[in-house]
N, C-alpha and C. Protein backbone atom coordinates (compact mmCIF):
# COMPACT_ATOMS: atom_id res chain seq x y z
N UNK A 1 181.37 32.84 79.12
CA UNK A 1 179.82 32.86 79.92
C UNK A 1 180.41 32.57 81.46
N UNK A 2 179.34 33.76 82.13
CA UNK A 2 179.36 33.60 83.54
C UNK A 2 178.31 32.35 83.78
N UNK A 3 178.36 31.54 84.44
CA UNK A 3 177.55 30.10 85.26
C UNK A 3 176.88 30.88 86.72
N UNK A 4 175.87 30.99 86.40
CA UNK A 4 174.98 31.31 87.62
C UNK A 4 174.01 30.36 87.91
N UNK A 5 173.23 30.51 89.50
CA UNK A 5 172.35 30.15 90.02
C UNK A 5 171.63 31.04 90.76
N UNK A 6 170.79 30.22 91.32
CA UNK A 6 169.75 31.56 91.65
C UNK A 6 169.40 30.81 93.38
N UNK A 7 168.95 31.34 94.29
CA UNK A 7 168.16 30.90 95.56
C UNK A 7 167.39 31.87 95.75
N UNK A 8 165.53 31.01 95.40
CA UNK A 8 164.81 31.92 96.31
C UNK A 8 163.45 31.34 97.02
N UNK A 9 162.75 31.39 97.72
CA UNK A 9 161.81 30.54 98.26
C UNK A 9 160.60 30.68 97.40
N UNK A 10 160.53 31.81 96.21
CA UNK A 10 159.31 31.89 95.43
C UNK A 10 159.32 31.17 94.41
N UNK A 11 158.74 30.62 93.70
CA UNK A 11 158.88 29.95 92.52
C UNK A 11 158.98 30.86 91.11
N UNK A 12 157.90 31.57 91.69
CA UNK A 12 157.58 33.00 90.86
C UNK A 12 158.88 33.74 90.26
N UNK A 13 159.56 34.05 91.58
CA UNK A 13 160.36 35.17 91.54
C UNK A 13 161.73 34.24 90.64
N UNK A 14 161.91 32.87 90.86
CA UNK A 14 162.93 32.35 90.07
C UNK A 14 162.58 32.13 88.66
N UNK A 15 161.30 32.29 88.20
CA UNK A 15 160.96 32.37 86.79
C UNK A 15 161.48 33.78 86.54
N UNK A 16 160.93 34.58 86.88
CA UNK A 16 161.33 35.93 86.47
C UNK A 16 162.65 36.11 86.33
N UNK A 17 163.33 35.47 87.26
CA UNK A 17 165.19 35.73 87.38
C UNK A 17 165.22 35.05 85.96
N UNK A 18 164.95 33.84 85.45
CA UNK A 18 165.29 32.75 84.26
C UNK A 18 164.94 33.77 83.09
N UNK A 19 163.62 34.64 83.44
CA UNK A 19 163.65 35.25 81.95
C UNK A 19 164.19 36.34 82.09
N UNK A 20 164.71 37.28 83.00
CA UNK A 20 165.69 37.97 83.20
C UNK A 20 167.19 38.12 82.28
N UNK A 21 167.45 36.60 82.81
CA UNK A 21 168.71 36.14 82.61
C UNK A 21 168.67 35.27 81.14
N UNK A 22 167.40 35.48 80.23
CA UNK A 22 167.32 34.77 79.38
C UNK A 22 168.18 36.28 78.03
N UNK A 23 167.42 37.07 78.27
CA UNK A 23 167.77 38.45 77.68
C UNK A 23 169.30 38.94 77.87
N UNK A 24 170.21 38.38 78.60
CA UNK A 24 171.56 38.25 78.86
C UNK A 24 172.48 37.34 78.15
N UNK A 25 173.23 37.90 77.33
CA UNK A 25 173.59 36.80 76.46
C UNK A 25 175.20 36.33 77.00
N UNK A 26 175.46 36.71 77.83
CA UNK A 26 176.73 36.32 78.90
C UNK A 26 176.80 35.85 79.67
N UNK A 27 174.96 35.90 80.60
CA UNK A 27 174.71 34.88 81.70
C UNK A 27 173.93 33.78 81.53
N UNK A 28 174.26 32.46 82.09
CA UNK A 28 173.80 31.24 81.75
C UNK A 28 173.14 30.83 83.12
N UNK A 29 171.68 30.82 83.77
CA UNK A 29 171.62 30.63 84.74
C UNK A 29 171.53 28.86 84.40
N UNK A 30 172.22 28.36 85.16
CA UNK A 30 172.23 26.87 85.09
C UNK A 30 171.35 26.11 85.92
N UNK A 31 170.86 26.48 86.82
CA UNK A 31 169.99 26.13 88.04
C UNK A 31 169.27 26.83 88.88
N UNK A 32 168.12 26.64 89.02
CA UNK A 32 167.39 27.39 90.44
C UNK A 32 167.04 26.26 91.66
N UNK A 33 166.89 27.14 92.72
CA UNK A 33 166.98 26.61 93.94
C UNK A 33 166.07 27.21 94.70
N UNK A 34 164.57 26.60 95.24
CA UNK A 34 163.76 27.11 96.31
C UNK A 34 164.27 26.61 97.93
N UNK A 35 165.12 25.96 98.09
CA UNK A 35 165.87 25.23 99.29
C UNK A 35 167.20 25.59 99.28
N UNK A 36 167.59 26.30 100.41
CA UNK A 36 168.82 26.25 100.53
C UNK A 36 169.67 25.53 100.98
N UNK A 37 169.70 24.35 101.37
CA UNK A 37 170.14 23.27 101.72
C UNK A 37 170.45 22.67 100.33
N UNK A 38 169.69 22.28 99.22
CA UNK A 38 170.07 21.52 98.08
C UNK A 38 171.17 22.97 97.38
N UNK A 39 170.63 24.03 97.27
CA UNK A 39 171.59 24.75 96.72
C UNK A 39 173.18 24.71 97.38
N UNK A 40 173.07 25.08 98.26
CA UNK A 40 174.68 24.62 99.32
C UNK A 40 175.41 23.51 98.78
N UNK A 41 174.58 22.62 99.05
CA UNK A 41 174.97 21.12 98.27
C UNK A 41 175.42 21.04 97.01
N UNK A 42 174.86 21.74 95.79
CA UNK A 42 175.14 22.12 94.71
C UNK A 42 176.51 22.73 94.39
N UNK A 43 176.48 23.90 95.59
CA UNK A 43 178.03 24.96 94.86
C UNK A 43 178.86 24.09 95.48
N UNK A 44 178.72 23.55 96.71
CA UNK A 44 179.77 22.42 97.06
C UNK A 44 180.74 21.56 95.91
N UNK A 45 179.75 21.04 95.07
CA UNK A 45 180.21 20.14 94.47
C UNK A 45 180.20 20.93 92.56
N UNK A 46 179.58 21.49 92.42
CA UNK A 46 179.71 22.46 91.53
C UNK A 46 180.01 24.17 91.45
N UNK A 47 180.79 24.69 91.54
CA UNK A 47 181.04 25.99 91.89
C UNK A 47 180.79 26.73 90.56
N UNK A 48 180.05 28.18 90.89
CA UNK A 48 179.52 28.94 89.75
C UNK A 48 180.50 30.05 90.11
N UNK A 49 180.42 31.13 88.96
CA UNK A 49 180.38 32.44 89.17
C UNK A 49 179.56 33.46 89.67
N UNK A 50 178.45 33.35 89.44
CA UNK A 50 177.48 34.21 90.28
C UNK A 50 176.03 33.97 90.88
N UNK A 51 175.59 34.16 92.01
CA UNK A 51 175.03 33.54 92.70
C UNK A 51 173.73 34.69 92.73
N UNK A 52 172.47 34.45 91.92
CA UNK A 52 171.34 35.11 92.70
C UNK A 52 170.60 34.82 93.72
N UNK A 53 170.52 35.08 95.30
CA UNK A 53 170.64 35.38 96.32
C UNK A 53 169.11 36.20 96.70
N UNK A 54 167.96 35.86 96.86
CA UNK A 54 167.02 36.65 98.10
C UNK A 54 167.33 36.31 99.08
N UNK A 55 166.98 37.39 100.39
CA UNK A 55 167.51 37.84 101.27
C UNK A 55 166.75 37.36 102.48
N UNK A 56 165.46 37.75 102.14
CA UNK A 56 164.32 37.49 103.27
C UNK A 56 163.59 35.71 102.56
N UNK A 57 164.49 34.67 103.33
CA UNK A 57 164.03 33.50 103.01
C UNK A 57 163.53 33.24 104.62
N UNK A 58 162.67 32.01 104.63
CA UNK A 58 161.80 31.39 105.95
C UNK A 58 163.12 30.45 107.04
N UNK A 59 163.70 29.75 106.21
CA UNK A 59 164.67 28.97 106.63
C UNK A 59 165.95 29.55 106.85
N UNK A 60 166.52 30.44 106.21
CA UNK A 60 167.78 31.25 106.73
C UNK A 60 167.65 32.52 105.67
N UNK A 61 168.59 33.26 106.44
CA UNK A 61 168.37 34.81 105.77
C UNK A 61 169.77 34.15 104.44
N UNK A 62 169.31 35.38 103.20
CA UNK A 62 170.42 35.26 102.27
C UNK A 62 171.57 35.78 102.56
N UNK A 63 171.80 36.65 103.54
CA UNK A 63 172.66 37.22 104.17
C UNK A 63 173.86 36.04 105.02
N UNK A 64 172.66 35.31 105.75
CA UNK A 64 173.43 34.16 106.67
C UNK A 64 174.04 33.04 105.78
N UNK A 65 173.20 32.77 104.40
CA UNK A 65 173.55 32.08 103.44
C UNK A 65 174.84 32.14 102.71
N UNK A 66 175.13 33.44 102.70
CA UNK A 66 176.22 34.00 101.75
C UNK A 66 177.70 33.48 102.78
N UNK A 67 177.32 33.86 103.85
CA UNK A 67 178.30 33.46 104.79
C UNK A 67 178.79 31.72 105.18
N UNK A 68 178.25 31.38 104.33
CA UNK A 68 177.99 29.90 104.32
C UNK A 68 178.77 29.33 103.10
N UNK A 69 179.22 30.53 101.79
CA UNK A 69 179.62 30.03 100.67
C UNK A 69 180.65 29.00 100.65
N UNK A 70 180.70 28.19 99.88
CA UNK A 70 182.35 27.17 99.88
C UNK A 70 183.31 27.85 98.84
N UNK A 71 182.92 28.47 98.29
CA UNK A 71 183.68 29.13 97.21
C UNK A 71 183.58 30.44 96.98
N UNK A 72 185.02 31.13 96.52
CA UNK A 72 184.17 32.50 96.20
C UNK A 72 183.41 33.02 95.25
N UNK A 73 182.45 33.68 95.29
CA UNK A 73 181.10 33.51 94.48
C UNK A 73 180.99 35.30 94.40
N UNK A 74 180.90 35.69 93.29
CA UNK A 74 179.99 37.21 92.95
C UNK A 74 178.57 36.59 93.15
N UNK A 75 178.11 37.90 94.53
CA UNK A 75 176.40 37.62 94.42
C UNK A 75 175.96 39.05 94.21
N UNK A 76 174.45 38.28 93.86
CA UNK A 76 173.70 39.70 93.43
C UNK A 76 172.53 39.59 94.28
N UNK A 77 172.34 40.23 95.35
CA UNK A 77 170.98 39.94 96.60
C UNK A 77 169.39 40.56 95.75
N UNK A 78 168.58 39.65 95.89
CA UNK A 78 167.67 40.15 95.33
C UNK A 78 166.77 40.75 97.11
N UNK A 79 165.51 41.48 96.78
CA UNK A 79 165.30 41.37 98.04
C UNK A 79 163.63 42.66 97.55
N UNK A 80 162.69 42.37 98.71
CA UNK A 80 161.30 43.12 98.11
C UNK A 80 161.54 44.50 99.27
N UNK A 81 162.57 44.35 99.90
CA UNK A 81 163.10 45.28 101.03
C UNK A 81 164.19 45.82 101.19
N UNK A 82 164.20 47.29 100.98
CA UNK A 82 165.42 47.91 100.94
C UNK A 82 166.33 48.15 101.84
N UNK A 83 165.97 48.08 103.26
CA UNK A 83 166.83 48.37 104.53
C UNK A 83 167.95 47.22 104.42
N UNK A 84 167.34 45.96 104.03
CA UNK A 84 168.43 45.09 103.39
C UNK A 84 169.94 45.33 102.63
N UNK A 85 169.53 46.20 101.94
CA UNK A 85 170.42 46.77 100.64
C UNK A 85 171.62 47.19 101.29
N UNK A 86 172.09 48.08 102.54
CA UNK A 86 173.15 48.50 103.03
C UNK A 86 173.82 47.03 103.71
N UNK A 87 173.21 46.17 103.83
CA UNK A 87 173.83 44.92 104.57
C UNK A 87 174.77 44.55 103.87
N UNK A 88 173.88 43.89 102.49
CA UNK A 88 174.16 43.43 101.61
C UNK A 88 175.55 43.83 101.25
N UNK A 89 175.69 44.99 101.09
CA UNK A 89 176.97 45.56 100.40
C UNK A 89 177.80 45.79 101.41
N UNK A 90 177.80 45.27 102.71
CA UNK A 90 178.49 45.11 103.74
C UNK A 90 179.29 43.81 103.71
N UNK A 91 178.82 42.69 102.57
CA UNK A 91 179.24 41.86 102.59
C UNK A 91 180.31 41.75 101.22
N UNK A 92 180.18 42.63 100.61
CA UNK A 92 180.92 42.63 99.42
C UNK A 92 180.02 41.92 98.23
N UNK A 93 178.82 42.54 97.93
CA UNK A 93 178.28 41.84 97.18
C UNK A 93 178.49 42.80 95.73
N UNK A 94 177.79 41.97 94.87
CA UNK A 94 178.52 42.50 93.61
C UNK A 94 177.44 43.37 92.92
N UNK A 95 175.85 43.65 93.63
CA UNK A 95 174.70 44.36 94.08
C UNK A 95 173.90 43.87 94.21
N UNK A 96 172.65 44.81 94.39
CA UNK A 96 171.55 44.01 94.63
C UNK A 96 170.28 44.75 93.97
N UNK A 97 169.04 43.96 94.05
CA UNK A 97 168.22 44.17 92.95
C UNK A 97 166.99 44.49 94.09
N UNK A 98 165.83 45.30 93.59
CA UNK A 98 164.68 45.42 94.51
C UNK A 98 163.92 45.01 93.85
N UNK A 99 162.61 43.90 94.89
CA UNK A 99 161.66 43.61 93.76
C UNK A 99 160.69 44.69 93.87
N UNK A 100 159.97 44.57 92.62
CA UNK A 100 159.88 43.80 91.66
C UNK A 100 161.07 44.45 90.44
N UNK A 101 161.75 43.23 90.12
CA UNK A 101 163.13 43.60 89.34
C UNK A 101 162.73 44.28 87.71
N UNK A 102 163.14 45.73 87.65
CA UNK A 102 162.98 45.74 86.12
C UNK A 102 163.90 45.77 85.29
N UNK A 103 163.77 45.40 84.18
CA UNK A 103 165.06 45.28 83.15
C UNK A 103 165.96 45.58 82.91
N UNK A 104 165.76 47.31 83.13
CA UNK A 104 166.96 47.93 82.67
C UNK A 104 168.20 47.71 83.98
N UNK A 105 167.22 48.13 85.18
CA UNK A 105 167.75 47.74 86.82
C UNK A 105 168.80 45.86 86.57
N UNK A 106 167.78 45.31 86.38
CA UNK A 106 168.70 43.93 85.84
C UNK A 106 169.78 44.12 84.81
N UNK A 107 169.46 44.77 84.04
CA UNK A 107 170.65 45.41 82.57
C UNK A 107 172.35 45.38 83.18
N UNK A 108 172.02 46.53 84.74
CA UNK A 108 173.07 47.01 85.24
C UNK A 108 173.72 46.19 86.26
N UNK A 109 173.41 45.66 86.97
CA UNK A 109 173.41 45.14 87.54
C UNK A 109 174.80 43.53 87.01
N UNK A 110 173.90 43.67 85.95
CA UNK A 110 174.46 41.64 85.35
C UNK A 110 175.95 42.41 84.59
N UNK A 111 175.39 43.94 84.10
CA UNK A 111 176.90 44.38 83.65
C UNK A 111 178.08 44.55 84.62
N UNK A 112 177.60 45.18 86.05
CA UNK A 112 178.74 44.69 86.86
C UNK A 112 179.21 43.83 87.25
N UNK A 113 178.25 42.69 87.00
CA UNK A 113 179.04 41.12 87.45
C UNK A 113 180.33 40.97 86.20
N UNK A 114 179.58 41.36 84.80
CA UNK A 114 180.23 41.04 83.88
C UNK A 114 181.78 41.48 83.94
N UNK A 115 181.74 42.93 84.35
CA UNK A 115 183.04 43.46 84.43
C UNK A 115 184.12 43.04 85.77
N UNK A 116 183.09 42.75 86.64
CA UNK A 116 183.85 42.05 88.25
C UNK A 116 184.49 40.43 87.39
N UNK A 117 183.53 40.10 86.66
CA UNK A 117 183.75 38.88 86.25
C UNK A 117 185.10 38.62 85.28
N UNK A 118 185.37 39.84 84.25
CA UNK A 118 186.26 39.70 83.52
C UNK A 118 187.59 40.41 84.19
N UNK A 119 187.84 41.00 85.15
CA UNK A 119 188.82 41.32 85.67
C UNK A 119 189.22 39.96 86.57
N UNK A 120 188.44 39.24 87.21
CA UNK A 120 188.85 37.98 87.58
C UNK A 120 189.60 36.84 86.86
N UNK A 121 188.97 36.99 85.96
CA UNK A 121 189.79 35.83 84.85
C UNK A 121 190.77 36.41 83.90
N UNK A 122 190.95 37.95 84.09
CA UNK A 122 192.27 38.12 83.55
C UNK A 122 193.33 38.03 84.11
N UNK A 123 193.33 38.29 85.69
CA UNK A 123 194.13 37.97 86.64
C UNK A 123 194.36 36.84 86.75
N UNK A 124 193.51 35.74 86.60
CA UNK A 124 193.96 34.31 86.58
C UNK A 124 195.02 33.92 85.02
N UNK A 125 194.33 34.36 84.36
CA UNK A 125 194.94 33.85 82.78
C UNK A 125 196.40 34.54 82.74
N UNK A 126 196.73 35.84 83.09
CA UNK A 126 197.50 36.47 83.26
C UNK A 126 198.66 35.79 84.01
N UNK A 127 199.36 34.81 84.16
CA UNK A 127 200.30 33.79 84.60
C UNK A 127 201.97 34.51 84.46
N UNK A 128 202.73 34.79 83.60
CA UNK A 128 203.87 35.42 82.41
C UNK A 128 203.99 36.60 82.39
N UNK A 129 205.26 36.79 82.08
CA UNK A 129 205.17 38.08 81.43
C UNK A 129 206.30 37.80 80.47
N UNK A 130 206.70 38.60 79.19
CA UNK A 130 207.56 38.70 78.26
C UNK A 130 209.03 39.46 78.64
N UNK A 131 210.11 39.15 78.43
CA UNK A 131 211.10 40.05 78.69
C UNK A 131 212.26 39.74 77.52
N UNK A 132 212.51 41.17 77.24
CA UNK A 132 213.51 41.11 76.27
C UNK A 132 214.90 40.92 76.85
N UNK A 133 216.01 40.03 76.10
CA UNK A 133 217.25 39.55 76.70
C UNK A 133 217.65 38.59 75.77
N UNK A 134 219.03 38.99 75.44
CA UNK A 134 219.57 37.84 73.97
C UNK A 134 218.92 38.05 73.21
N UNK A 135 218.89 39.21 72.84
CA UNK A 135 217.66 39.34 71.35
C UNK A 135 216.96 38.84 71.05
N UNK A 136 216.04 38.21 72.02
CA UNK A 136 214.80 37.54 71.86
C UNK A 136 213.77 38.10 73.14
N UNK A 137 212.59 37.68 73.04
CA UNK A 137 211.70 37.91 74.12
C UNK A 137 211.34 36.69 74.37
N UNK A 138 211.81 36.84 76.00
CA UNK A 138 211.71 35.64 77.04
C UNK A 138 210.75 35.28 77.83
N UNK A 139 209.85 34.26 78.06
CA UNK A 139 208.24 34.20 78.38
C UNK A 139 208.59 33.23 79.80
N UNK A 140 208.33 34.12 80.78
CA UNK A 140 208.56 33.49 82.25
C UNK A 140 207.70 33.37 82.75
N UNK A 141 207.35 32.63 83.33
CA UNK A 141 206.02 32.15 84.24
C UNK A 141 206.47 32.91 85.75
N UNK A 142 205.49 33.56 86.08
CA UNK A 142 206.09 34.42 87.62
C UNK A 142 205.87 33.16 88.80
N UNK A 143 205.15 31.70 88.90
CA UNK A 143 205.53 31.11 89.57
C UNK A 143 207.03 30.48 89.60
N UNK A 144 207.42 30.82 88.59
CA UNK A 144 209.05 30.02 88.56
C UNK A 144 210.41 31.12 88.68
N UNK A 145 209.68 32.41 89.18
CA UNK A 145 210.51 33.10 89.50
C UNK A 145 211.07 32.90 91.29
N UNK A 146 212.30 33.37 91.44
CA UNK A 146 212.56 33.02 92.86
C UNK A 146 212.91 34.18 93.44
N UNK A 147 213.35 34.90 92.48
CA UNK A 147 213.58 36.80 92.87
C UNK A 147 214.22 37.23 92.02
N UNK A 148 214.46 38.88 91.70
CA UNK A 148 214.86 39.50 91.14
C UNK A 148 215.99 40.26 91.54
N UNK A 149 216.97 40.79 91.09
CA UNK A 149 218.54 41.34 91.41
C UNK A 149 218.51 42.44 90.75
N UNK A 150 218.62 43.67 90.91
CA UNK A 150 218.86 44.97 90.22
C UNK A 150 220.30 45.38 90.21
N UNK A 151 220.71 45.36 89.29
CA UNK A 151 222.16 46.11 88.98
C UNK A 151 222.13 47.25 88.15
N UNK A 152 222.41 48.54 88.72
CA UNK A 152 222.17 50.04 87.96
C UNK A 152 220.81 49.40 86.63
N UNK A 153 221.15 49.64 85.47
CA UNK A 153 220.05 49.40 84.37
C UNK A 153 219.53 48.33 84.11
N UNK A 154 220.08 47.01 84.86
CA UNK A 154 219.91 45.88 84.42
C UNK A 154 219.49 45.10 85.12
N UNK A 155 219.01 43.80 84.96
CA UNK A 155 218.09 42.58 86.10
C UNK A 155 218.79 41.60 85.93
N UNK A 156 219.01 40.69 87.15
CA UNK A 156 219.07 39.31 86.79
C UNK A 156 217.75 39.25 87.19
N UNK A 157 217.07 37.87 86.40
CA UNK A 157 216.05 37.20 86.89
C UNK A 157 216.31 36.03 87.05
N UNK A 158 216.49 35.45 88.49
CA UNK A 158 216.88 34.27 89.13
C UNK A 158 215.53 33.35 89.08
N UNK A 159 215.70 31.74 88.15
CA UNK A 159 214.49 31.36 87.90
C UNK A 159 214.35 29.76 88.20
N UNK A 160 213.95 29.72 88.99
CA UNK A 160 214.01 28.03 89.18
C UNK A 160 213.65 27.28 87.97
N UNK A 161 214.81 26.11 88.37
CA UNK A 161 215.69 25.44 87.59
C UNK A 161 216.13 25.47 86.01
N UNK A 162 216.13 27.22 85.67
CA UNK A 162 216.34 27.75 84.61
C UNK A 162 217.46 28.85 84.39
N UNK A 163 218.59 28.52 83.33
CA UNK A 163 219.18 29.66 83.68
C UNK A 163 218.41 31.35 83.44
N UNK A 164 219.64 31.83 84.42
CA UNK A 164 219.34 33.50 84.97
C UNK A 164 219.44 34.18 83.96
N UNK A 165 218.50 34.77 83.42
CA UNK A 165 218.28 35.93 82.30
C UNK A 165 218.59 37.39 82.89
N UNK A 166 219.34 38.01 81.88
CA UNK A 166 219.95 39.31 82.38
C UNK A 166 219.38 40.10 81.22
N UNK A 167 218.51 40.94 81.58
CA UNK A 167 217.72 42.08 80.96
C UNK A 167 218.24 43.32 81.37
N UNK A 168 218.14 44.00 80.28
CA UNK A 168 218.19 45.60 80.74
C UNK A 168 217.10 46.23 80.97
N UNK A 169 216.89 46.40 82.23
CA UNK A 169 215.62 46.70 82.65
C UNK A 169 215.69 47.56 84.25
N UNK A 170 214.73 48.36 84.50
CA UNK A 170 215.11 48.63 86.22
C UNK A 170 214.00 47.92 86.97
N UNK A 171 214.28 47.79 87.97
CA UNK A 171 213.09 47.12 89.44
C UNK A 171 212.41 47.78 89.11
N UNK A 172 212.13 49.20 88.64
CA UNK A 172 210.56 49.77 89.22
C UNK A 172 209.85 49.40 87.84
N UNK A 173 210.13 49.36 86.92
CA UNK A 173 209.59 49.29 85.70
C UNK A 173 209.22 47.53 85.81
N UNK A 174 210.23 46.76 86.15
CA UNK A 174 209.48 45.04 86.10
C UNK A 174 208.43 45.08 87.32
N UNK A 175 208.77 45.81 88.20
CA UNK A 175 207.45 45.91 89.46
C UNK A 175 206.37 46.21 88.71
N UNK A 176 206.33 46.84 88.04
CA UNK A 176 204.82 47.24 87.28
C UNK A 176 204.07 46.22 86.73
N UNK A 177 204.91 45.06 86.07
CA UNK A 177 204.57 44.15 85.41
C UNK A 177 204.28 42.73 86.31
N UNK A 178 204.71 43.12 87.25
CA UNK A 178 204.20 41.65 88.40
C UNK A 178 203.04 41.90 89.11
N UNK A 179 202.21 40.90 89.56
CA UNK A 179 201.49 41.01 90.62
C UNK A 179 201.53 41.48 91.67
N UNK A 180 200.81 42.72 92.31
CA UNK A 180 200.99 43.49 93.42
C UNK A 180 201.45 42.57 94.46
N UNK A 181 200.06 41.97 94.29
CA UNK A 181 199.55 41.07 96.35
C UNK A 181 201.02 40.00 95.88
N UNK A 182 201.76 39.60 95.15
CA UNK A 182 202.66 38.55 95.31
C UNK A 182 203.90 38.73 94.90
N UNK A 183 204.26 39.64 94.39
CA UNK A 183 205.60 40.20 94.64
C UNK A 183 205.95 41.49 94.88
N UNK A 184 207.11 41.49 96.10
CA UNK A 184 207.28 42.99 96.20
C UNK A 184 209.01 43.30 96.55
N UNK A 185 209.09 44.64 96.58
CA UNK A 185 210.90 44.95 96.64
C UNK A 185 210.74 45.09 98.34
N UNK A 186 212.26 44.50 98.68
CA UNK A 186 212.33 44.52 99.57
C UNK A 186 213.51 45.11 99.88
N UNK A 187 214.37 45.65 99.00
CA UNK A 187 215.91 46.22 99.30
C UNK A 187 215.93 47.23 97.91
N UNK A 188 216.83 48.34 97.38
CA UNK A 188 216.86 48.80 96.62
C UNK A 188 217.45 48.27 95.30
N UNK A 189 217.93 46.42 95.83
CA UNK A 189 218.45 45.84 94.45
C UNK A 189 217.55 44.57 94.44
N UNK A 190 216.08 44.33 94.91
CA UNK A 190 215.71 42.80 95.39
C UNK A 190 214.35 43.26 95.21
N UNK A 191 213.93 42.40 94.59
CA UNK A 191 212.47 41.81 94.32
C UNK A 191 212.08 40.45 94.34
N UNK A 192 210.91 39.95 95.60
CA UNK A 192 211.10 38.73 95.93
C UNK A 192 209.81 38.40 95.73
N UNK A 193 208.89 37.35 95.14
CA UNK A 193 207.63 36.65 95.34
C UNK A 193 207.71 35.97 96.64
N UNK A 194 206.46 36.54 97.77
CA UNK A 194 206.57 35.93 98.99
C UNK A 194 206.32 34.70 98.74
N UNK A 195 205.78 33.81 97.77
CA UNK A 195 205.48 32.48 97.72
C UNK A 195 206.78 31.64 97.87
N UNK A 196 207.87 32.18 97.24
CA UNK A 196 208.91 31.67 97.84
C UNK A 196 209.87 31.87 99.22
N UNK A 197 209.40 32.43 99.68
CA UNK A 197 209.95 32.85 101.04
C UNK A 197 209.69 31.61 102.01
N UNK A 198 211.02 31.06 102.17
CA UNK A 198 211.37 29.84 103.22
C UNK A 198 211.18 30.22 104.94
N UNK A 199 211.45 31.15 104.86
CA UNK A 199 212.24 31.64 106.64
C UNK A 199 212.54 33.17 106.28
N UNK A 200 212.32 33.73 107.63
CA UNK A 200 213.15 35.13 107.90
C UNK A 200 213.76 35.28 109.17
N UNK A 201 214.94 35.60 109.47
CA UNK A 201 215.74 35.85 110.31
C UNK A 201 216.05 37.12 110.29
N UNK A 202 216.20 37.93 111.60
CA UNK A 202 217.15 39.24 111.55
C UNK A 202 216.72 39.97 110.12
N UNK A 203 216.09 40.14 109.79
CA UNK A 203 215.73 40.75 108.35
C UNK A 203 216.38 40.28 107.28
N UNK A 204 216.61 38.96 107.15
CA UNK A 204 217.23 38.13 106.22
C UNK A 204 216.38 37.05 105.50
N UNK A 205 215.94 37.32 104.13
CA UNK A 205 214.91 36.40 103.93
C UNK A 205 215.62 35.15 103.07
N UNK A 206 215.12 34.00 103.32
CA UNK A 206 215.84 32.59 102.75
C UNK A 206 215.47 32.39 101.47
N UNK A 207 215.77 31.99 100.48
CA UNK A 207 214.96 31.57 98.96
C UNK A 207 215.79 30.55 98.84
N UNK A 208 215.50 29.37 99.15
CA UNK A 208 216.53 28.56 98.43
C UNK A 208 218.01 28.83 99.39
N UNK A 209 219.05 28.85 98.42
CA UNK A 209 220.32 29.08 98.93
C UNK A 209 220.77 30.45 99.25
N UNK A 210 219.55 31.50 98.44
CA UNK A 210 219.73 32.84 98.28
C UNK A 210 219.87 33.22 99.77
N UNK A 211 220.24 34.69 100.40
CA UNK A 211 219.84 35.10 101.50
C UNK A 211 219.90 36.59 100.93
N UNK A 212 218.68 37.65 101.21
CA UNK A 212 218.14 38.53 100.42
C UNK A 212 217.51 39.70 101.83
N UNK A 213 218.37 40.16 102.08
CA UNK A 213 218.16 41.62 103.07
C UNK A 213 216.85 42.30 102.85
N UNK A 214 216.38 42.85 104.05
CA UNK A 214 215.25 43.28 104.11
C UNK A 214 215.75 44.80 104.30
N UNK A 215 215.85 45.83 103.86
CA UNK A 215 216.22 47.39 104.05
C UNK A 215 215.14 47.84 104.74
N UNK A 216 215.57 49.00 105.63
CA UNK A 216 214.89 50.21 106.60
C UNK A 216 213.82 50.65 105.51
N UNK A 217 213.88 50.84 104.58
CA UNK A 217 212.91 51.63 103.68
C UNK A 217 211.76 51.10 103.04
N UNK A 218 211.87 49.54 103.23
CA UNK A 218 210.95 48.72 102.49
C UNK A 218 210.42 47.88 103.41
N UNK A 219 210.55 47.89 104.54
CA UNK A 219 210.58 47.45 105.71
C UNK A 219 209.27 46.84 106.06
N UNK A 220 208.32 48.22 106.44
CA UNK A 220 207.04 48.61 106.73
C UNK A 220 206.07 47.87 105.99
N UNK A 221 206.12 47.88 104.29
CA UNK A 221 205.15 47.56 103.75
C UNK A 221 205.46 45.90 103.32
N UNK A 222 206.89 45.56 103.17
CA UNK A 222 207.06 44.27 103.34
C UNK A 222 206.32 43.15 104.60
N UNK A 223 206.39 43.78 105.98
CA UNK A 223 205.57 43.17 106.84
C UNK A 223 204.18 43.10 107.00
N UNK A 224 204.17 44.47 106.33
CA UNK A 224 202.50 44.65 106.27
C UNK A 224 201.65 43.90 105.49
N UNK A 225 202.45 43.68 103.85
CA UNK A 225 201.98 42.85 103.47
C UNK A 225 202.09 41.32 103.87
N UNK A 226 202.96 40.91 104.50
CA UNK A 226 203.12 39.40 105.00
C UNK A 226 201.81 39.11 106.40
N UNK A 227 201.49 40.49 106.85
CA UNK A 227 200.14 40.19 107.72
C UNK A 227 199.01 40.04 106.61
N UNK A 228 199.21 40.23 105.91
CA UNK A 228 197.37 40.04 104.67
C UNK A 228 197.21 38.98 104.69
N UNK A 229 198.54 38.04 104.34
CA UNK A 229 198.62 36.91 103.55
C UNK A 229 197.95 35.52 105.17
């Protein structure tokens, strides 16, 4: 269930949003606000998945309010002025709704939000992989992987405080199972989790007692990923 709140200085607009949300079984509009300071105070204490946000308000524009959000939240802008839509999308809004809001258009925006919410939750929930080794399927948490070493058609998965897992698999194949923003290949024989890097010196990555080289073939992609962190 997507938990949502709505902020609009017009009480009637909030009533309409409430009735529209009541038609969608996967969105729960838990609270509505006419004052931006009260909405912001609520969001700091109770993060939600989705915010319906009016753009044209007297105290603060919805665009400026969006920039103050304390947590990453999906936003669907509502506005009576179509010229605000382009600026709304530059803020990575999930969608914008032009008032008066039709049921069909609202359902389209709700579906966008649902697909985005589902994707975000899948990414959060999938925190591990299963590897076939020693005639078993072994569950390995991403957070426990120190680094992965490739040896021809075999892998050695070095795991924190656990026995190293040896599996018949290629580095290319396992890389496809790992979160691409967290794991990167740095050498023809090594994949590393960025979070486990302790330091880098002279193109050598230090992870606990291991020293892993960065080869020229993977250097650009590796340092580009670090710049994004």
